[in-house]
Amino acid sequence: MIGTEELHDIIRAKEPSLRILNATWYMPNMNRDAKAEHFEERISKYTKFFDHDKVADTENPLSHSLPDLKTFENCMRELQVRSHD
């Protein structure tokens, strides 16, 4: 985890391997929509939303369990996150 000033400096330096993911998630009883909030106010227009419900093992009865490697790789590809980022 880094602070806002450090992130600001990295963004301004246009670090080519930087990928900013918003992984905000709320408990269902909070009546908040993390994805909607992401699109209302992002750190940068390049920030991607990491959807915990999508990047998960949907066959597992425990929510948000780690997916198999292929599912994870596909989700990271959609977020344009490469192994060296």
Protein backbone atom coordinates (compact mmCIF):
# COMPACT_ATOMS: atom_id res chain seq x y z
CA MET A 1 0.00 0.00 0.00
CA ILE A 2 1.24 3.47 -0.84
CA GLY A 3 0.10 6.93 0.13
CA THR A 4 -1.69 9.40 -2.09
CA GLU A 5 1.37 11.62 -2.57
CA GLU A 6 3.52 8.70 -3.70
CA LEU A 7 0.80 7.52 -6.09
CA HIS A 8 0.47 11.05 -7.46
CA ASP A 9 4.23 11.15 -8.15
CA ILE A 10 4.13 7.76 -9.90
CA ILE A 11 1.18 8.82 -12.07
CA ARG A 12 2.92 12.08 -13.00
CA ALA A 13 6.09 10.15 -13.93
CA LYS A 14 3.95 8.10 -16.33
CA GLU A 15 5.38 4.83 -15.05
CA PRO A 16 4.64 2.46 -17.97
CA SER A 17 4.06 -0.64 -15.84
CA LEU A 18 1.64 1.08 -13.44
CA ARG A 19 -1.86 -0.35 -13.34
CA ILE A 20 -4.30 1.13 -10.83
CA LEU A 21 -7.05 -1.22 -9.73
CA ASN A 22 -9.95 -0.17 -7.55
CA ALA A 23 -10.78 -3.26 -5.49
CA THR A 24 -13.41 -1.61 -3.30
CA TRP A 25 -16.09 -3.98 -2.06
CA TYR A 26 -18.89 -3.40 0.44
CA MET A 27 -20.83 -5.77 2.65
CA PRO A 28 -24.31 -6.31 1.15
CA ASN A 29 -26.07 -4.66 4.11
CA MET A 30 -24.24 -1.37 3.44
CA ASN A 31 -26.47 -0.60 0.43
CA ARG A 32 -23.55 0.82 -1.54
CA ASP A 33 -22.46 0.02 -5.08
CA ALA A 34 -18.67 -0.01 -5.34
CA LYS A 35 -18.67 -0.34 -9.13
CA ALA A 36 -21.05 2.61 -9.60
CA GLU A 37 -18.98 4.70 -7.18
CA HIS A 38 -15.83 3.77 -9.10
CA PHE A 39 -17.21 5.25 -12.30
CA GLU A 40 -18.44 8.37 -10.50
CA GLU A 41 -15.06 9.25 -9.02
CA ARG A 42 -11.82 7.56 -10.07
CA ILE A 43 -8.20 8.28 -9.20
CA SER A 44 -7.45 8.47 -12.90
CA LYS A 45 -9.33 7.75 -16.10
CA TYR A 46 -7.07 4.71 -16.47
CA THR A 47 -8.15 3.16 -13.18
CA LYS A 48 -9.84 -0.22 -13.67
CA PHE A 49 -12.45 -1.78 -11.41
CA PHE A 50 -11.44 -5.14 -9.90
CA ASP A 51 -14.76 -6.92 -9.49
CA HIS A 52 -14.45 -9.42 -6.62
CA ASP A 53 -17.60 -11.18 -7.75
CA LYS A 54 -16.19 -11.73 -11.24
CA VAL A 55 -12.61 -12.59 -10.23
CA ALA A 56 -13.66 -15.48 -8.00
CA ASP A 57 -14.43 -19.17 -8.00
CA THR A 58 -18.17 -19.03 -8.63
CA GLU A 59 -18.52 -22.79 -8.02
CA ASN A 60 -17.25 -22.48 -4.45
CA PRO A 61 -20.00 -21.98 -1.83
CA LEU A 62 -17.73 -19.49 -0.03
CA SER A 63 -17.99 -16.13 -1.75
CA HIS A 64 -14.92 -14.48 -3.22
CA SER A 65 -12.78 -17.63 -3.17
CA LEU A 66 -9.72 -17.59 -5.40
CA PRO A 67 -10.51 -18.76 -8.93
CA ASP A 68 -8.56 -21.26 -10.98
CA LEU A 69 -5.51 -19.91 -12.80
CA LYS A 70 -7.22 -19.67 -16.20
CA THR A 71 -10.11 -17.60 -14.81
CA PHE A 72 -7.70 -15.32 -12.96
CA GLU A 73 -5.52 -14.85 -16.04
CA ASN A 74 -8.55 -14.04 -18.20
CA CYS A 75 -9.80 -11.46 -15.71
CA MET A 76 -6.36 -9.85 -15.45
CA ARG A 77 -6.14 -9.77 -19.25
CA GLU A 78 -9.49 -7.94 -19.38
CA LEU A 79 -8.12 -5.43 -16.86
CA GLN A 80 -5.01 -5.09 -19.04
CA VAL A 81 -2.75 -6.24 -16.20
CA ARG A 82 0.32 -8.12 -17.41
CA SER A 83 2.62 -10.34 -15.36
CA HIS A 84 5.34 -7.65 -15.29
CA ASP A 85 3.06 -4.81 -14.18
